[in-house]
Protein backbone atom coordinates (compact mmCIF):
# COMPACT_ATOMS: atom_id res chain seq x y z
CA MET A 1 108.40 106.23 139.69
CA ARG A 2 112.11 107.79 140.42
CA LEU A 3 113.79 104.29 140.20
CA ARG A 4 112.04 103.54 136.75
CA ASN A 5 113.52 106.83 135.47
CA SER A 6 116.88 106.04 136.72
CA LEU A 7 116.61 102.59 135.06
CA MET A 8 115.40 104.16 131.42
CA ASN A 9 118.45 106.56 131.51
CA SER A 10 121.08 103.84 132.62
CA ILE A 11 119.71 101.86 129.83
CA PHE A 12 119.78 104.48 127.43
CA LEU A 13 123.53 105.50 128.26
CA PHE A 14 124.66 101.74 127.90
CA ARG A 15 123.43 102.02 124.46
CA LEU A 16 124.82 104.85 123.63
CA TRP A 17 128.26 103.53 124.86
CA LEU A 18 127.54 100.36 123.33
CA VAL A 19 126.67 102.01 119.79
CA SER A 20 130.10 104.48 120.27
CA MET A 21 132.10 101.42 120.53
CA VAL A 22 131.01 99.64 117.55
CA ILE A 23 131.42 102.82 115.59
CA GLY A 24 134.90 102.99 116.72
CA TRP A 25 135.46 99.37 116.02
CA PHE A 26 133.94 100.06 112.10
CA GLY A 27 135.38 103.37 111.73
CA CYS A 28 138.90 102.15 109.98
CA VAL A 29 136.34 99.93 107.73
CA PHE A 30 134.16 102.65 106.52
CA ALA A 31 137.11 105.27 106.15
CA HIS A 32 138.35 102.51 103.55
CA ALA A 33 134.90 101.91 102.13
CA ASN A 34 134.63 105.83 101.66
CA GLN A 35 137.88 106.16 99.39
CA ASN A 36 136.07 104.15 96.84
CA HIS A 37 132.28 106.05 96.88
CA ASN A 38 131.02 109.58 96.63
CA PRO A 39 130.87 111.39 100.22
CA CYS A 40 127.95 110.53 102.19
CA VAL A 41 125.69 113.05 103.97
CA LEU A 42 123.13 112.63 106.49
CA VAL A 43 119.52 114.03 106.51
CA SER A 44 116.89 113.61 109.34
CA VAL A 45 114.14 113.80 107.34
CA ALA A 46 113.14 112.49 103.82
CA PRO A 47 111.89 116.21 102.23
CA HIS A 48 115.62 117.20 103.27
CA LYS A 49 117.01 114.25 101.32
CA PHE A 50 115.00 115.72 98.46
CA PHE A 51 116.44 119.30 98.79
CA VAL A 52 119.86 117.80 98.83
CA GLU A 53 119.54 115.76 95.70
CA GLN A 54 118.24 118.49 93.63
CA ILE A 55 121.24 120.49 94.75
CA ALA A 56 123.81 117.98 94.64
CA GLN A 57 122.52 115.30 92.34
CA ASN A 58 125.06 112.56 91.97
CA THR A 59 128.09 113.92 93.38
CA VAL A 60 126.92 112.58 97.15
CA GLU A 61 125.26 109.91 98.44
CA VAL A 62 122.51 110.82 100.79
CA HIS A 63 121.48 108.95 103.84
CA LEU A 64 118.10 109.46 105.39
CA MET A 65 117.72 108.92 109.27
CA VAL A 66 114.11 108.94 109.88
CA PRO A 67 112.66 106.01 107.91
CA ALA A 68 109.09 106.59 106.26
CA GLY A 69 106.28 105.96 108.38
CA ALA A 70 108.40 106.93 111.88
CA SER A 71 108.04 110.22 113.71
CA ALA A 72 110.59 112.23 114.09
CA HIS A 73 109.93 113.36 117.58
CA THR A 74 110.33 109.98 119.16
CA TYR A 75 112.71 108.00 116.74
CA GLU A 76 115.72 106.64 117.85
CA PRO A 77 118.18 105.07 115.46
CA THR A 78 119.33 101.43 115.19
CA PRO A 79 122.97 100.51 115.57
CA ARG A 80 122.90 99.63 112.11
CA GLN A 81 121.74 103.23 111.01
CA MET A 82 124.77 104.79 113.35
CA LEU A 83 127.24 102.19 111.88
CA LYS A 84 126.28 103.68 108.25
CA ALA A 85 126.23 107.40 109.66
CA GLY A 86 129.85 106.80 110.66
CA ARG A 87 130.59 107.30 106.75
CA ALA A 88 129.04 110.61 106.80
CA GLU A 89 130.70 113.98 106.80
CA LEU A 90 127.88 116.35 106.89
CA TRP A 91 124.71 116.01 108.59
CA PHE A 92 121.64 118.40 107.84
CA CYS A 93 119.74 118.83 111.09
CA ILE A 94 116.55 120.25 112.23
CA GLY A 95 116.33 120.18 116.10
CA GLU A 96 114.92 116.88 116.87
CA ALA A 97 115.76 115.30 120.29
CA PHE A 98 117.16 112.20 118.91
CA GLU A 99 119.56 114.31 116.59
CA LYS A 100 121.67 115.58 119.94
CA ARG A 101 122.27 111.75 121.38
CA ALA A 102 123.30 110.55 117.75
CA ILE A 103 125.56 113.47 117.05
CA GLN A 104 127.10 112.93 120.41
CA ALA A 105 127.66 109.54 120.14
CA LEU A 106 129.43 110.01 116.22
CA THR A 107 131.22 113.18 116.97
CA SER A 108 132.93 111.42 119.84
CA HIS A 109 134.96 109.07 117.24
CA TYR A 110 134.43 111.64 114.24
CA PRO A 111 135.06 115.00 115.40
CA SER A 112 135.52 116.13 111.35
CA LEU A 113 131.59 115.57 111.10
CA VAL A 114 130.22 118.91 110.14
CA ILE A 115 126.71 119.52 111.44
CA ILE A 116 124.45 122.02 109.86
CA ASP A 117 121.33 123.24 111.63
CA LEU A 118 118.67 124.03 108.93
CA ARG A 119 116.84 126.15 111.44
CA GLN A 120 119.19 128.81 110.90
CA GLY A 121 118.12 132.02 109.35
CA LEU A 122 114.15 130.98 109.50
CA ALA A 123 111.34 132.59 110.59
CA LEU A 124 110.32 129.96 113.09
CA ILE A 125 106.82 129.12 114.97
CA ASP A 126 106.73 129.08 118.76
CA ALA A 127 105.14 125.49 119.11
CA GLU A 128 102.89 127.05 121.78
CA HIS A 129 101.76 129.65 119.32
CA ARG A 130 101.39 128.16 115.88
CA HIS A 131 99.59 129.77 113.45
CA GLY A 132 95.65 129.51 114.22
CA CYS A 133 96.57 126.20 116.24
CA LYS A 134 94.99 125.05 119.29
CA GLY A 135 96.07 122.13 121.42
CA CYS A 136 99.63 121.99 120.10
CA CYS A 137 102.75 120.46 121.69
CA SER A 138 104.71 122.77 124.28
CA GLY A 139 108.07 123.93 124.21
CA GLY A 140 110.28 125.07 121.40
CA ALA A 141 110.09 125.76 117.95
CA ASP A 142 107.66 124.12 115.59
CA LEU A 143 109.93 121.56 113.46
CA HIS A 144 108.19 121.07 110.62
CA PHE A 145 109.42 124.16 108.65
CA TRP A 146 110.04 122.42 105.54
CA LEU A 147 105.99 122.78 104.92
CA SER A 148 106.98 126.24 103.43
CA ALA A 149 107.99 126.62 99.72
CA ARG A 150 108.92 129.96 101.33
CA GLN A 151 111.32 128.97 103.94
CA ALA A 152 112.36 125.90 101.71
CA GLN A 153 113.99 128.11 99.66
CA ILE A 154 116.21 129.44 102.72
CA GLN A 155 116.85 125.92 103.34
CA ALA A 156 118.07 125.08 99.97
CA GLN A 157 120.68 127.94 100.31
CA ARG A 158 122.18 126.82 103.16
CA ILE A 159 122.12 123.28 102.27
CA ALA A 160 124.15 124.63 98.77
CA GLU A 161 126.48 126.81 100.82
CA ALA A 162 127.44 123.63 103.00
CA LEU A 163 128.08 121.41 100.20
CA SER A 164 130.16 124.19 98.24
CA ASN A 165 132.00 124.95 101.48
CA ALA A 166 132.68 120.86 102.09
CA TYR A 167 133.12 120.28 98.12
CA PRO A 168 134.41 123.21 96.61
CA GLN A 169 135.08 121.69 93.27
CA HIS A 170 131.44 121.10 92.81
CA ALA A 171 130.51 124.52 93.98
CA PRO A 172 129.40 126.16 90.31
CA PHE A 173 127.22 123.19 89.69
CA TYR A 174 125.69 123.37 92.98
CA ARG A 175 124.97 127.08 92.39
CA ASP A 176 123.55 125.96 89.13
CA ASN A 177 121.43 123.41 90.63
CA LEU A 178 120.06 126.12 93.64
CA ALA A 179 118.94 128.51 91.08
CA THR A 180 116.83 126.32 89.15
CA PHE A 181 115.75 124.65 92.70
CA GLN A 182 114.73 128.03 94.31
CA ARG A 183 112.65 129.06 90.90
CA GLU A 184 110.69 125.93 91.24
CA LEU A 185 110.26 126.44 94.71
CA ARG A 186 108.75 129.76 93.92
CA GLU A 187 106.67 128.41 91.27
CA LEU A 188 105.26 125.89 93.69
CA ASP A 189 104.67 128.74 96.01
CA ALA A 190 103.01 130.93 93.40
CA GLU A 191 100.85 127.98 92.27
CA LEU A 192 99.79 127.09 95.70
CA SER A 193 99.00 130.95 96.62
CA ALA A 194 96.93 130.99 93.25
CA LEU A 195 94.84 127.76 94.46
CA LEU A 196 94.38 128.61 98.56
CA THR A 197 94.24 132.44 98.57
CA PRO A 198 90.22 132.53 97.87
CA LEU A 199 90.48 130.24 101.09
CA LYS A 200 91.69 132.29 103.18
CA ASN A 201 90.92 131.65 107.19
CA ARG A 202 89.53 128.36 106.52
CA ALA A 203 89.72 125.82 109.04
CA VAL A 204 91.95 122.78 108.93
CA LEU A 205 91.47 120.22 111.74
CA VAL A 206 94.57 117.96 112.02
CA SER A 207 95.41 114.92 114.31
CA HIS A 208 99.14 116.40 114.29
CA PRO A 209 99.84 119.90 114.20
CA ALA A 210 102.49 119.75 111.51
CA TYR A 211 100.96 122.39 109.37
CA ALA A 212 101.76 125.64 111.06
CA TYR A 213 104.14 127.06 108.52
CA PHE A 214 101.85 125.91 105.41
CA CYS A 215 99.16 127.60 107.14
CA ARG A 216 100.93 130.82 107.76
CA ASP A 217 101.76 131.03 104.35
CA TYR A 218 98.53 130.82 103.22
CA GLU A 219 96.35 131.84 105.86
CA LEU A 220 94.47 128.98 106.82
CA GLU A 221 93.70 128.32 110.23
CA GLN A 222 94.99 125.07 112.03
CA TYR A 223 93.10 123.14 114.77
CA SER A 224 94.71 120.05 116.56
CA ILE A 225 93.22 117.26 118.03
CA GLU A 226 96.48 116.18 119.48
CA MET A 227 97.13 118.01 122.79
CA GLU A 228 100.84 118.65 123.84
CA GLY A 229 101.94 115.52 122.33
CA LYS A 230 98.91 113.50 123.87
CA ASP A 231 95.69 112.25 122.61
CA PRO A 232 93.13 114.65 124.24
CA THR A 233 91.33 113.95 127.09
CA PRO A 234 87.50 113.46 127.26
CA GLN A 235 87.04 117.06 128.25
CA GLN A 236 89.34 118.05 125.50
CA MET A 237 87.46 115.80 123.27
CA THR A 238 84.26 117.51 124.04
CA ARG A 239 85.54 121.31 123.41
CA LEU A 240 86.92 119.83 120.13
CA LEU A 241 83.73 118.60 119.15
CA GLN A 242 82.00 122.06 119.82
CA VAL A 243 84.63 123.86 117.85
CA ALA A 244 84.43 121.32 115.05
CA ARG A 245 80.59 121.57 114.73
CA LYS A 246 80.99 125.54 115.11
CA LEU A 247 83.62 125.56 111.94
CA GLN A 248 81.43 123.08 110.02
CA VAL A 249 84.35 120.76 109.77
CA HIS A 250 83.43 117.65 107.65
CA THR A 251 87.37 116.44 107.11
CA ILE A 252 90.00 115.34 109.71
CA PHE A 253 93.37 114.82 108.38
CA ILE A 254 95.75 112.42 109.73
CA GLN A 255 99.21 110.95 109.40
CA MET A 256 100.38 107.16 109.55
CA GLN A 257 103.19 108.58 111.97
CA TYR A 258 100.78 109.13 114.98
CA SER A 259 97.54 107.49 116.68
CA ARG A 260 94.26 107.78 114.71
CA LYS A 261 92.04 106.69 117.33
CA ALA A 262 90.76 110.34 118.96
CA ALA A 263 90.65 111.32 114.78
CA GLU A 264 88.72 108.26 114.22
CA LEU A 265 86.32 108.72 117.44
CA LEU A 266 85.59 112.58 116.44
CA ALA A 267 85.16 111.71 112.66
CA HIS A 268 82.55 109.31 113.63
CA THR A 269 80.90 111.77 115.97
CA LEU A 270 80.93 114.15 113.40
CA HIS A 271 80.16 112.31 110.25
CA ALA A 272 83.42 113.56 108.87
CA LYS A 273 85.71 111.77 106.52
CA LEU A 274 89.26 111.04 107.41
CA VAL A 275 92.03 111.73 104.88
CA LEU A 276 95.60 110.74 104.99
CA LEU A 277 98.34 112.99 104.54
CA ASP A 278 102.11 112.51 104.52
CA PRO A 279 103.89 115.65 105.44
CA TYR A 280 107.04 113.57 105.56
CA GLY A 281 106.78 112.36 101.84
CA GLU A 282 110.46 112.45 100.21
CA ASP A 283 108.95 113.85 96.83
CA TYR A 284 108.70 117.61 97.84
CA PHE A 285 106.66 118.94 95.19
CA ARG A 286 104.23 116.15 95.04
CA THR A 287 103.95 116.54 98.95
CA MET A 288 103.01 120.03 98.86
CA ARG A 289 100.46 119.83 95.95
CA GLU A 290 98.67 116.94 97.70
CA ILE A 291 98.28 118.90 101.18
CA ALA A 292 97.15 122.04 99.36
CA HIS A 293 94.56 120.22 97.25
CA ALA A 294 93.50 118.37 100.10
CA PHE A 295 92.90 121.53 102.36
CA ALA A 296 91.29 122.95 99.41
CA ASN A 297 88.88 120.31 98.53
CA GLN A 298 88.37 119.23 102.18
CA ASP A 299 84.07 120.18 102.02
CA SER A 300 83.76 118.17 98.58
CA GLY A 301 82.46 114.49 97.88
């Protein structure tokens, strides 16, 4: 086992070295290309691409690191992505493991790359104590913090500030767009609150515990099938069945990014339906409304 881990680490270090060398070789090409295009900024997940585009609009080019359908928790950027990332001037990060490794490779050749940690200023939830959640991943903070329309206003503020610092010629434009975006986020929060407040303490059973911030905002109770990043053991499944029956669960919410095997087994036993949600959806307002209506209507049909 120790030999295998050593081999895996060696492979990763070689890949990191290779990507760093390629970035260095192509750096001059990208530097020249940047002279004829809008500045490039990176985001880790699609919702933050939406945030940046709402504020910056066509003044920047936004590159997404984690593609649709992939899990940000386990993702590793491809060499092609790293080459494109070599053009970036800003990176809006969320604290995922892959970011640290990719930043190491990029900043070794582009020390001027500005890293903006979108966790700063947020009321984060400990991954071991997510709101109402049983069976969560252990260690660190829950990183699905965009799934709070209230916390999203703080993230938008931080994005606008970083963009204004980097491109001061557009600062008034960013300030106006931020005001509009934050007003829309407040309206979204009020809309979702009106929908979900009558359902206070409703249980929500999910395959992956992504909804702690959403549930905290609207006083729902999240229960997760996944246990510390893994499918549950038979003993854990037995306990989940007992809890689900007690809570009269009729719906299980799954994601395309994660295994649904345990959820399908549980749904079959409970005669429950499976509903697919994508908390990583790029159209933020649509995503939040879909989640809210799915949670509100889970006992219908």
